[in-house]
Amino acid sequence: MAPPNQICLVVVIFLSIFSLSSLPTSAIIPKANVSLPIPSSQLVENLCNGKAIQNRRFCLKALSTHEVIAAMDTTQLGTLIMKLGAVNAKATLNKPGSPQALKALNCCVEAYKYAILSFEMVSSELVEDPQTANYDVAVIGTEIANCEKELINAKVQAPRLLAGNRFMKYYVSMGYEITSTLELENPNEY
């Protein structure tokens, strides 16, 4: 018979996973404190119309806060996007997993920890080296893709985590677009 500590651990993990499957799948998008939609700035419009953007509606909605609209330049906008990406990654990471898919979920935990650190690191790289920031954002996308692959291979039913992966891809595409824009704005500096 298994020791009581192991039984408790298995029960906690199982209950955590079970509760995950009943959570709604919705984006973790900052909410504005006004009832009317906030018109986007030209910076946000330009970014959300960029080639790398996977979901224009998500981009416009996620970037519809007063703080983002008030961004004065591309670097400031990029820093705010990286903060939003980190918040989204943290919120998704705080969702529990299942015992049958522990390996896949551990892969996802590591991917999201990496995403959090990278989004925060990219914020500081935007000014100093947009080319490195661009690469670092792309690697976040690879890590999230690995998480998704592990979930699929393990046949894990985790709609909230899969939705989080989709949103992470959107933040990665916005990060890629903003870092590409910064490289084009200052080609001689890097």
N, C-alpha and C. Protein backbone atom coordinates (compact mmCIF):
# COMPACT_ATOMS: atom_id res chain seq x y z
N MET A 1 0.85 -1.19 0.00
CA MET A 1 0.00 0.00 0.00
C MET A 1 0.89 1.24 0.00
N ALA A 2 0.47 2.28 -0.73
CA ALA A 2 1.25 3.51 -0.84
C ALA A 2 1.17 4.29 0.47
N PRO A 3 2.27 4.99 0.80
CA PRO A 3 2.25 5.83 2.00
C PRO A 3 1.19 6.91 1.89
N PRO A 4 0.65 7.38 3.02
CA PRO A 4 -0.41 8.40 3.00
C PRO A 4 -0.02 9.67 2.25
N ASN A 5 1.24 10.08 2.32
CA ASN A 5 1.67 11.30 1.63
C ASN A 5 1.52 11.17 0.12
N GLN A 6 1.85 9.98 -0.42
CA GLN A 6 1.73 9.77 -1.86
C GLN A 6 0.27 9.75 -2.28
N ILE A 7 -0.56 9.14 -1.49
CA ILE A 7 -1.99 9.10 -1.80
C ILE A 7 -2.57 10.51 -1.80
N CYS A 8 -2.20 11.30 -0.81
CA CYS A 8 -2.69 12.69 -0.74
C CYS A 8 -2.24 13.48 -1.96
N LEU A 9 -0.99 13.30 -2.38
CA LEU A 9 -0.47 14.02 -3.53
C LEU A 9 -1.26 13.64 -4.79
N VAL A 10 -1.50 12.36 -4.99
CA VAL A 10 -2.24 11.91 -6.17
C VAL A 10 -3.67 12.48 -6.14
N VAL A 11 -4.32 12.46 -4.99
CA VAL A 11 -5.68 12.98 -4.87
C VAL A 11 -5.71 14.48 -5.17
N VAL A 12 -4.75 15.23 -4.64
CA VAL A 12 -4.70 16.69 -4.88
C VAL A 12 -4.50 16.97 -6.37
N ILE A 13 -3.58 16.24 -7.00
CA ILE A 13 -3.34 16.45 -8.43
C ILE A 13 -4.60 16.11 -9.23
N PHE A 14 -5.23 14.98 -8.92
CA PHE A 14 -6.42 14.57 -9.65
C PHE A 14 -7.53 15.61 -9.50
N LEU A 15 -7.78 16.08 -8.28
CA LEU A 15 -8.82 17.07 -8.06
C LEU A 15 -8.50 18.38 -8.77
N SER A 16 -7.23 18.73 -8.81
CA SER A 16 -6.82 19.95 -9.51
C SER A 16 -7.13 19.85 -10.99
N ILE A 17 -6.80 18.71 -11.58
CA ILE A 17 -7.06 18.51 -13.01
C ILE A 17 -8.54 18.49 -13.28
N PHE A 18 -9.27 17.78 -12.45
CA PHE A 18 -10.71 17.69 -12.63
C PHE A 18 -11.34 19.08 -12.61
N SER A 19 -10.89 19.93 -11.70
CA SER A 19 -11.47 21.28 -11.62
C SER A 19 -11.07 22.11 -12.82
N LEU A 20 -9.93 21.81 -13.43
CA LEU A 20 -9.48 22.54 -14.62
C LEU A 20 -10.44 22.36 -15.78
N SER A 21 -10.93 21.16 -15.97
CA SER A 21 -11.77 20.88 -17.13
C SER A 21 -13.10 21.60 -17.06
N SER A 22 -13.53 22.05 -15.89
CA SER A 22 -14.82 22.72 -15.78
C SER A 22 -14.72 24.24 -15.88
N LEU A 23 -13.50 24.76 -16.02
CA LEU A 23 -13.34 26.21 -16.10
C LEU A 23 -13.71 26.71 -17.49
N PRO A 24 -14.27 27.92 -17.60
CA PRO A 24 -14.60 28.46 -18.91
C PRO A 24 -13.33 28.83 -19.67
N THR A 25 -13.40 28.80 -20.99
CA THR A 25 -12.25 29.19 -21.80
C THR A 25 -12.48 30.61 -22.29
N SER A 26 -11.82 31.53 -21.67
CA SER A 26 -11.94 32.93 -22.08
C SER A 26 -10.58 33.58 -22.00
N ALA A 27 -10.39 34.59 -22.79
CA ALA A 27 -9.11 35.29 -22.82
C ALA A 27 -8.89 36.04 -21.53
N ILE A 28 -7.64 36.16 -21.19
CA ILE A 28 -7.29 36.99 -20.05
C ILE A 28 -6.88 38.31 -20.66
N ILE A 29 -7.86 39.17 -20.78
CA ILE A 29 -7.68 40.45 -21.45
C ILE A 29 -7.98 41.54 -20.45
N PRO A 30 -7.09 42.54 -20.41
CA PRO A 30 -7.36 43.63 -19.48
C PRO A 30 -8.69 44.30 -19.78
N LYS A 31 -9.41 44.65 -18.76
CA LYS A 31 -10.71 45.28 -18.94
C LYS A 31 -10.59 46.77 -18.67
N ALA A 32 -11.23 47.56 -19.53
CA ALA A 32 -11.25 49.00 -19.34
C ALA A 32 -12.34 49.33 -18.32
N ASN A 33 -12.19 50.42 -17.61
CA ASN A 33 -13.15 50.82 -16.60
C ASN A 33 -14.22 51.75 -17.16
N VAL A 34 -14.52 51.65 -18.43
CA VAL A 34 -15.54 52.47 -19.05
C VAL A 34 -16.49 51.56 -19.81
N SER A 35 -17.72 52.02 -20.03
CA SER A 35 -18.69 51.19 -20.71
C SER A 35 -18.56 51.29 -22.23
N LEU A 36 -18.04 52.38 -22.73
CA LEU A 36 -17.88 52.54 -24.17
C LEU A 36 -16.51 52.02 -24.59
N PRO A 37 -16.39 51.47 -25.81
CA PRO A 37 -15.08 51.01 -26.27
C PRO A 37 -14.12 52.18 -26.38
N ILE A 38 -12.87 51.91 -26.07
CA ILE A 38 -11.84 52.94 -26.15
C ILE A 38 -11.28 52.93 -27.57
N PRO A 39 -11.28 54.06 -28.24
CA PRO A 39 -10.72 54.06 -29.60
C PRO A 39 -9.22 53.79 -29.53
N SER A 40 -8.73 52.99 -30.46
CA SER A 40 -7.31 52.66 -30.43
C SER A 40 -6.48 53.79 -31.00
N SER A 41 -5.22 53.81 -30.59
CA SER A 41 -4.29 54.82 -31.09
C SER A 41 -3.76 54.36 -32.45
N GLN A 42 -3.11 55.26 -33.15
CA GLN A 42 -2.53 54.92 -34.45
C GLN A 42 -1.43 53.87 -34.29
N LEU A 43 -0.67 53.96 -33.18
CA LEU A 43 0.36 52.95 -32.91
C LEU A 43 -0.26 51.56 -32.81
N VAL A 44 -1.35 51.45 -32.06
CA VAL A 44 -2.02 50.16 -31.87
C VAL A 44 -2.61 49.70 -33.21
N GLU A 45 -3.25 50.59 -33.94
CA GLU A 45 -3.81 50.24 -35.25
C GLU A 45 -2.73 49.69 -36.17
N ASN A 46 -1.60 50.40 -36.25
CA ASN A 46 -0.50 49.97 -37.12
C ASN A 46 0.01 48.60 -36.70
N LEU A 47 0.17 48.40 -35.40
CA LEU A 47 0.66 47.12 -34.91
C LEU A 47 -0.31 46.00 -35.24
N CYS A 48 -1.59 46.20 -34.93
CA CYS A 48 -2.59 45.15 -35.12
C CYS A 48 -2.86 44.85 -36.59
N ASN A 49 -2.44 45.73 -37.48
CA ASN A 49 -2.56 45.48 -38.92
C ASN A 49 -1.29 44.86 -39.49
N GLY A 50 -0.30 44.60 -38.64
CA GLY A 50 0.98 44.05 -39.09
C GLY A 50 0.85 42.63 -39.62
N LYS A 51 1.82 42.24 -40.43
CA LYS A 51 1.83 40.92 -41.06
C LYS A 51 1.90 39.77 -40.06
N ALA A 52 2.61 39.96 -38.97
CA ALA A 52 2.82 38.87 -38.01
C ALA A 52 1.62 38.63 -37.10
N ILE A 53 0.67 39.55 -37.08
CA ILE A 53 -0.47 39.44 -36.16
C ILE A 53 -1.39 38.31 -36.61
N GLN A 54 -1.63 37.36 -35.70
CA GLN A 54 -2.45 36.19 -36.02
C GLN A 54 -3.94 36.46 -35.83
N ASN A 55 -4.28 37.38 -34.93
CA ASN A 55 -5.68 37.64 -34.66
C ASN A 55 -5.85 39.14 -34.39
N ARG A 56 -6.28 39.87 -35.41
CA ARG A 56 -6.40 41.33 -35.31
C ARG A 56 -7.40 41.74 -34.23
N ARG A 57 -8.54 41.04 -34.16
CA ARG A 57 -9.55 41.39 -33.15
C ARG A 57 -8.99 41.25 -31.74
N PHE A 58 -8.29 40.14 -31.50
CA PHE A 58 -7.68 39.94 -30.18
C PHE A 58 -6.68 41.06 -29.90
N CYS A 59 -5.85 41.38 -30.87
CA CYS A 59 -4.84 42.42 -30.71
C CYS A 59 -5.50 43.74 -30.31
N LEU A 60 -6.53 44.14 -31.05
CA LEU A 60 -7.21 45.41 -30.75
C LEU A 60 -7.88 45.37 -29.38
N LYS A 61 -8.49 44.25 -29.03
CA LYS A 61 -9.18 44.14 -27.74
C LYS A 61 -8.17 44.13 -26.59
N ALA A 62 -7.12 43.34 -26.73
CA ALA A 62 -6.11 43.25 -25.67
C ALA A 62 -5.40 44.58 -25.44
N LEU A 63 -5.29 45.37 -26.49
CA LEU A 63 -4.58 46.65 -26.40
C LEU A 63 -5.53 47.83 -26.32
N SER A 64 -6.71 47.62 -25.73
CA SER A 64 -7.70 48.69 -25.64
C SER A 64 -7.79 49.29 -24.23
N THR A 65 -6.69 49.34 -23.53
CA THR A 65 -6.70 49.96 -22.21
C THR A 65 -6.21 51.40 -22.33
N HIS A 66 -6.55 52.21 -21.35
CA HIS A 66 -6.11 53.61 -21.37
C HIS A 66 -4.59 53.70 -21.36
N GLU A 67 -3.95 52.82 -20.58
CA GLU A 67 -2.49 52.85 -20.48
C GLU A 67 -1.84 52.56 -21.84
N VAL A 68 -2.37 51.58 -22.55
CA VAL A 68 -1.81 51.23 -23.87
C VAL A 68 -2.09 52.33 -24.88
N ILE A 69 -3.30 52.84 -24.89
CA ILE A 69 -3.68 53.89 -25.84
C ILE A 69 -2.81 55.13 -25.64
N ALA A 70 -2.38 55.36 -24.39
CA ALA A 70 -1.56 56.54 -24.09
C ALA A 70 -0.09 56.35 -24.45
N ALA A 71 0.30 55.16 -24.90
CA ALA A 71 1.70 54.91 -25.26
C ALA A 71 2.14 55.93 -26.30
N MET A 72 3.29 56.54 -26.04
CA MET A 72 3.77 57.62 -26.89
C MET A 72 4.65 57.15 -28.05
N ASP A 73 5.24 55.95 -27.92
CA ASP A 73 6.11 55.48 -28.99
C ASP A 73 6.08 53.95 -29.03
N THR A 74 6.74 53.41 -30.02
CA THR A 74 6.74 51.96 -30.22
C THR A 74 7.38 51.22 -29.06
N THR A 75 8.43 51.77 -28.49
CA THR A 75 9.10 51.12 -27.37
C THR A 75 8.17 51.03 -26.17
N GLN A 76 7.49 52.11 -25.86
CA GLN A 76 6.54 52.11 -24.74
C GLN A 76 5.42 51.10 -25.00
N LEU A 77 4.91 51.06 -26.22
CA LEU A 77 3.87 50.10 -26.57
C LEU A 77 4.40 48.67 -26.42
N GLY A 78 5.62 48.44 -26.88
CA GLY A 78 6.22 47.12 -26.76
C GLY A 78 6.36 46.68 -25.31
N THR A 79 6.77 47.59 -24.45
CA THR A 79 6.92 47.27 -23.03
C THR A 79 5.57 46.88 -22.43
N LEU A 80 4.52 47.60 -22.79
CA LEU A 80 3.18 47.28 -22.28
C LEU A 80 2.69 45.93 -22.80
N ILE A 81 2.99 45.61 -24.06
CA ILE A 81 2.59 44.31 -24.62
C ILE A 81 3.30 43.19 -23.87
N MET A 82 4.58 43.38 -23.58
CA MET A 82 5.34 42.35 -22.86
C MET A 82 4.77 42.15 -21.45
N LYS A 83 4.36 43.24 -20.81
CA LYS A 83 3.74 43.12 -19.48
C LYS A 83 2.43 42.34 -19.57
N LEU A 84 1.61 42.64 -20.58
CA LEU A 84 0.35 41.92 -20.76
C LEU A 84 0.60 40.44 -21.04
N GLY A 85 1.60 40.15 -21.84
CA GLY A 85 1.94 38.76 -22.13
C GLY A 85 2.35 38.01 -20.88
N ALA A 86 3.16 38.66 -20.02
CA ALA A 86 3.60 38.03 -18.78
C ALA A 86 2.41 37.79 -17.84
N VAL A 87 1.51 38.75 -17.74
CA VAL A 87 0.32 38.59 -16.90
C VAL A 87 -0.52 37.41 -17.41
N ASN A 88 -0.68 37.32 -18.73
CA ASN A 88 -1.45 36.22 -19.31
C ASN A 88 -0.77 34.89 -19.03
N ALA A 89 0.54 34.83 -19.17
CA ALA A 89 1.27 33.58 -18.91
C ALA A 89 1.14 33.17 -17.44
N LYS A 90 1.25 34.14 -16.53
CA LYS A 90 1.11 33.84 -15.09
C LYS A 90 -0.29 33.31 -14.78
N ALA A 91 -1.30 33.93 -15.37
CA ALA A 91 -2.68 33.49 -15.11
C ALA A 91 -2.91 32.08 -15.63
N THR A 92 -2.37 31.76 -16.79
CA THR A 92 -2.53 30.42 -17.34
C THR A 92 -1.74 29.41 -16.53
N LEU A 93 -0.55 29.77 -16.09
CA LEU A 93 0.29 28.87 -15.31
C LEU A 93 -0.37 28.48 -13.99
N ASN A 94 -1.17 29.36 -13.43
CA ASN A 94 -1.82 29.09 -12.15
C ASN A 94 -2.99 28.13 -12.26
N LYS A 95 -3.25 27.60 -13.44
CA LYS A 95 -4.31 26.61 -13.61
C LYS A 95 -3.72 25.23 -13.40
N PRO A 96 -4.34 24.39 -12.57
CA PRO A 96 -3.79 23.07 -12.25
C PRO A 96 -3.88 22.06 -13.40
N GLY A 97 -3.23 20.89 -13.24
CA GLY A 97 -3.17 19.86 -14.27
C GLY A 97 -3.71 18.51 -13.80
N SER A 98 -3.44 17.38 -14.56
CA SER A 98 -3.96 16.06 -14.21
C SER A 98 -2.85 15.03 -14.01
N PRO A 99 -3.08 13.99 -13.20
CA PRO A 99 -2.04 13.00 -12.96
C PRO A 99 -1.70 12.18 -14.20
N GLN A 100 -2.68 11.86 -15.05
CA GLN A 100 -2.41 11.08 -16.26
C GLN A 100 -1.50 11.81 -17.23
N ALA A 101 -1.48 13.09 -17.14
CA ALA A 101 -0.72 13.89 -18.10
C ALA A 101 0.37 14.71 -17.42
N LEU A 102 0.92 14.17 -16.35
CA LEU A 102 1.90 14.93 -15.56
C LEU A 102 3.09 15.39 -16.40
N LYS A 103 3.61 14.52 -17.25
CA LYS A 103 4.75 14.89 -18.09
C LYS A 103 4.39 16.06 -19.01
N ALA A 104 3.23 15.95 -19.67
CA ALA A 104 2.80 17.01 -20.58
C ALA A 104 2.58 18.31 -19.82
N LEU A 105 1.96 18.21 -18.66
CA LEU A 105 1.69 19.42 -17.88
C LEU A 105 2.97 20.03 -17.34
N ASN A 106 3.93 19.19 -16.95
CA ASN A 106 5.22 19.73 -16.51
C ASN A 106 5.91 20.47 -17.64
N CYS A 107 5.81 19.93 -18.86
CA CYS A 107 6.36 20.62 -20.03
C CYS A 107 5.71 21.99 -20.17
N CYS A 108 4.39 22.05 -19.98
CA CYS A 108 3.66 23.32 -20.09
C CYS A 108 4.04 24.28 -18.97
N VAL A 109 4.22 23.75 -17.77
CA VAL A 109 4.63 24.60 -16.65
C VAL A 109 5.97 25.25 -16.98
N GLU A 110 6.89 24.45 -17.48
CA GLU A 110 8.21 25.00 -17.84
C GLU A 110 8.10 26.01 -18.98
N ALA A 111 7.24 25.73 -19.96
CA ALA A 111 7.05 26.65 -21.08
C ALA A 111 6.50 27.99 -20.59
N TYR A 112 5.55 27.94 -19.66
CA TYR A 112 4.95 29.17 -19.16
C TYR A 112 5.90 29.94 -18.23
N LYS A 113 6.68 29.22 -17.46
CA LYS A 113 7.70 29.90 -16.65
C LYS A 113 8.69 30.61 -17.56
N TYR A 114 9.09 29.92 -18.63
CA TYR A 114 10.00 30.50 -19.60
C TYR A 114 9.36 31.73 -20.25
N ALA A 115 8.07 31.61 -20.60
CA ALA A 115 7.37 32.73 -21.23
C ALA A 115 7.33 33.94 -20.30
N ILE A 116 7.05 33.71 -19.04
CA ILE A 116 6.99 34.82 -18.07
C ILE A 116 8.33 35.53 -18.01
N LEU A 117 9.39 34.76 -17.81
CA LEU A 117 10.73 35.36 -17.72
C LEU A 117 11.12 36.06 -19.02
N SER A 118 10.82 35.43 -20.14
CA SER A 118 11.19 36.01 -21.42
C SER A 118 10.42 37.29 -21.73
N PHE A 119 9.11 37.29 -21.49
CA PHE A 119 8.34 38.51 -21.72
C PHE A 119 8.90 39.65 -20.88
N GLU A 120 9.24 39.36 -19.63
CA GLU A 120 9.81 40.40 -18.76
C GLU A 120 11.18 40.84 -19.26
N MET A 121 12.00 39.90 -19.73
CA MET A 121 13.34 40.22 -20.23
C MET A 121 13.25 41.02 -21.53
N VAL A 122 12.33 40.65 -22.40
CA VAL A 122 12.19 41.33 -23.68
C VAL A 122 11.85 42.80 -23.47
N SER A 123 11.10 43.11 -22.43
CA SER A 123 10.76 44.51 -22.15
C SER A 123 12.02 45.36 -22.03
N SER A 124 13.05 44.85 -21.37
CA SER A 124 14.28 45.63 -21.22
C SER A 124 15.11 45.60 -22.50
N GLU A 125 14.98 44.55 -23.30
CA GLU A 125 15.76 44.46 -24.54
C GLU A 125 15.21 45.36 -25.65
N LEU A 126 13.96 45.78 -25.54
CA LEU A 126 13.34 46.57 -26.61
C LEU A 126 14.15 47.81 -26.95
N VAL A 127 14.67 48.47 -25.95
CA VAL A 127 15.42 49.71 -26.17
C VAL A 127 16.84 49.39 -26.63
N GLU A 128 17.47 48.43 -25.97
CA GLU A 128 18.88 48.15 -26.23
C GLU A 128 19.12 47.34 -27.49
N ASP A 129 18.29 46.34 -27.75
CA ASP A 129 18.55 45.43 -28.86
C ASP A 129 17.27 44.75 -29.35
N PRO A 130 16.49 45.43 -30.19
CA PRO A 130 15.25 44.85 -30.69
C PRO A 130 15.45 43.53 -31.46
N GLN A 131 16.62 43.37 -32.07
CA GLN A 131 16.88 42.13 -32.81
C GLN A 131 16.92 40.93 -31.86
N THR A 132 17.59 41.08 -30.72
CA THR A 132 17.62 40.02 -29.72
C THR A 132 16.23 39.82 -29.12
N ALA A 133 15.52 40.93 -28.88
CA ALA A 133 14.16 40.85 -28.36
C ALA A 133 13.27 40.07 -29.33
N ASN A 134 13.45 40.32 -30.61
CA ASN A 134 12.68 39.63 -31.64
C ASN A 134 12.92 38.13 -31.57
N TYR A 135 14.16 37.73 -31.45
CA TYR A 135 14.51 36.31 -31.34
C TYR A 135 13.91 35.71 -30.07
N ASP A 136 14.05 36.42 -28.95
CA ASP A 136 13.55 35.90 -27.67
C ASP A 136 12.03 35.71 -27.69
N VAL A 137 11.32 36.60 -28.36
CA VAL A 137 9.87 36.46 -28.48
C VAL A 137 9.54 35.22 -29.32
N ALA A 138 10.29 35.01 -30.40
CA ALA A 138 10.05 33.84 -31.25
C ALA A 138 10.25 32.54 -30.47
N VAL A 139 11.24 32.50 -29.58
CA VAL A 139 11.50 31.29 -28.79
C VAL A 139 10.34 31.00 -27.84
N ILE A 140 9.68 32.04 -27.34
CA ILE A 140 8.49 31.83 -26.50
C ILE A 140 7.47 31.02 -27.30
N GLY A 141 7.28 31.40 -28.55
CA GLY A 141 6.34 30.68 -29.41
C GLY A 141 6.70 29.21 -29.56
N THR A 142 7.98 28.92 -29.68
CA THR A 142 8.44 27.53 -29.80
C THR A 142 8.14 26.76 -28.52
N GLU A 143 8.38 27.37 -27.38
CA GLU A 143 8.11 26.71 -26.09
C GLU A 143 6.62 26.41 -25.93
N ILE A 144 5.78 27.34 -26.30
CA ILE A 144 4.33 27.14 -26.20
C ILE A 144 3.89 26.04 -27.18
N ALA A 145 4.49 26.01 -28.36
CA ALA A 145 4.17 24.95 -29.34
C ALA A 145 4.56 23.57 -28.78
N ASN A 146 5.68 23.50 -28.05
CA ASN A 146 6.09 22.23 -27.43
C ASN A 146 5.07 21.80 -26.38
N CYS A 147 4.58 22.74 -25.60
CA CYS A 147 3.54 22.46 -24.60
C CYS A 147 2.32 21.88 -25.29
N GLU A 148 1.89 22.53 -26.34
CA GLU A 148 0.70 22.10 -27.07
C GLU A 148 0.88 20.69 -27.64
N LYS A 149 2.06 20.43 -28.20
CA LYS A 149 2.37 19.12 -28.77
C LYS A 149 2.31 18.04 -27.69
N GLU A 150 2.88 18.31 -26.52
CA GLU A 150 2.86 17.35 -25.42
C GLU A 150 1.42 17.07 -24.96
N LEU A 151 0.61 18.10 -24.89
CA LEU A 151 -0.80 17.93 -24.49
C LEU A 151 -1.54 17.05 -25.48
N ILE A 152 -1.32 17.29 -26.75
CA ILE A 152 -1.99 16.51 -27.79
C ILE A 152 -1.52 15.06 -27.76
N ASN A 153 -0.20 14.86 -27.65
CA ASN A 153 0.34 13.50 -27.61
C ASN A 153 -0.16 12.71 -26.39
N ALA A 154 -0.35 13.40 -25.27
CA ALA A 154 -0.83 12.74 -24.05
C ALA A 154 -2.37 12.69 -24.01
N LYS A 155 -3.00 13.25 -25.03
CA LYS A 155 -4.48 13.28 -25.11
C LYS A 155 -5.10 13.93 -23.86
N VAL A 156 -4.49 15.02 -23.45
CA VAL A 156 -4.97 15.75 -22.28
C VAL A 156 -6.11 16.65 -22.70
N GLN A 157 -7.20 16.59 -21.97
CA GLN A 157 -8.34 17.46 -22.20
C GLN A 157 -8.23 18.63 -21.22
N ALA A 158 -7.60 19.70 -21.64
CA ALA A 158 -7.41 20.87 -20.79
C ALA A 158 -7.77 22.12 -21.61
N PRO A 159 -9.06 22.38 -21.79
CA PRO A 159 -9.47 23.49 -22.65
C PRO A 159 -8.93 24.84 -22.21
N ARG A 160 -8.83 25.05 -20.91
CA ARG A 160 -8.32 26.34 -20.40
C ARG A 160 -6.85 26.52 -20.78
N LEU A 161 -6.08 25.46 -20.67
CA LEU A 161 -4.66 25.52 -21.03
C LEU A 161 -4.50 25.68 -22.54
N LEU A 162 -5.30 24.97 -23.31
CA LEU A 162 -5.24 25.12 -24.76
C LEU A 162 -5.63 26.54 -25.19
N ALA A 163 -6.62 27.11 -24.51
CA ALA A 163 -6.99 28.51 -24.79
C ALA A 163 -5.83 29.43 -24.41
N GLY A 164 -5.21 29.16 -23.26
CA GLY A 164 -4.04 29.95 -22.85
C GLY A 164 -2.93 29.87 -23.88
N ASN A 165 -2.71 28.69 -24.45
CA ASN A 165 -1.69 28.55 -25.50
C ASN A 165 -2.04 29.40 -26.71
N ARG A 166 -3.31 29.39 -27.08
CA ARG A 166 -3.74 30.20 -28.23
C ARG A 166 -3.47 31.69 -27.96
N PHE A 167 -3.81 32.14 -26.76
CA PHE A 167 -3.59 33.55 -26.43
C PHE A 167 -2.11 33.87 -26.38
N MET A 168 -1.30 32.93 -25.88
CA MET A 168 0.15 33.15 -25.85
C MET A 168 0.67 33.34 -27.28
N LYS A 169 0.15 32.54 -28.22
CA LYS A 169 0.57 32.71 -29.62
C LYS A 169 0.22 34.10 -30.13
N TYR A 170 -0.93 34.62 -29.70
CA TYR A 170 -1.31 35.98 -30.11
C TYR A 170 -0.34 37.01 -29.53
N TYR A 171 0.01 36.85 -28.25
CA TYR A 171 0.96 37.79 -27.64
C TYR A 171 2.33 37.67 -28.28
N VAL A 172 2.73 36.45 -28.63
CA VAL A 172 4.00 36.25 -29.32
C VAL A 172 3.98 36.96 -30.67
N SER A 173 2.86 36.84 -31.39
CA SER A 173 2.79 37.51 -32.70
C SER A 173 2.83 39.02 -32.55
N MET A 174 2.18 39.55 -31.50
CA MET A 174 2.25 41.00 -31.26
C MET A 174 3.67 41.40 -30.88
N GLY A 175 4.34 40.58 -30.06
CA GLY A 175 5.72 40.86 -29.67
C GLY A 175 6.64 40.82 -30.87
N TYR A 176 6.43 39.84 -31.74
CA TYR A 176 7.25 39.73 -32.94
C TYR A 176 7.05 40.95 -33.84
N GLU A 177 5.81 41.36 -33.99
CA GLU A 177 5.50 42.52 -34.84
C GLU A 177 6.13 43.80 -34.27
N ILE A 178 6.02 43.99 -32.95
CA ILE A 178 6.55 45.23 -32.36
C ILE A 178 8.07 45.24 -32.42
N THR A 179 8.71 44.10 -32.21
CA THR A 179 10.18 44.08 -32.27
C THR A 179 10.66 44.26 -33.70
N SER A 180 9.93 43.71 -34.66
CA SER A 180 10.27 43.93 -36.07
C SER A 180 10.12 45.41 -36.43
N THR A 181 9.07 46.03 -35.93
CA THR A 181 8.85 47.45 -36.19
C THR A 181 9.98 48.29 -35.60
N LEU A 182 10.39 47.96 -34.38
CA LEU A 182 11.50 48.70 -33.76
C LEU A 182 12.79 48.54 -34.55
N GLU A 183 13.05 47.36 -35.07
CA GLU A 183 14.24 47.16 -35.89
C GLU A 183 14.19 48.04 -37.14
N LEU A 184 13.01 48.14 -37.76
CA LEU A 184 12.87 48.96 -38.97
C LEU A 184 12.97 50.45 -38.68
N GLU A 185 12.46 50.87 -37.50
CA GLU A 185 12.50 52.29 -37.13
C GLU A 185 13.93 52.78 -36.90
N ASN A 186 14.78 51.91 -36.40
CA ASN A 186 16.16 52.30 -36.05
C ASN A 186 17.16 51.31 -36.65
N PRO A 187 17.24 51.20 -37.99
CA PRO A 187 18.07 50.16 -38.59
C PRO A 187 19.58 50.34 -38.35
N ASN A 188 20.04 51.55 -38.18
CA ASN A 188 21.47 51.80 -38.03
C ASN A 188 21.96 51.64 -36.61
N GLU A 189 21.05 51.59 -35.65
CA GLU A 189 21.44 51.53 -34.25
C GLU A 189 21.81 50.13 -33.82
N TYR A 190 21.44 49.12 -34.58
CA TYR A 190 21.66 47.75 -34.12
C TYR A 190 22.54 47.04 -35.07
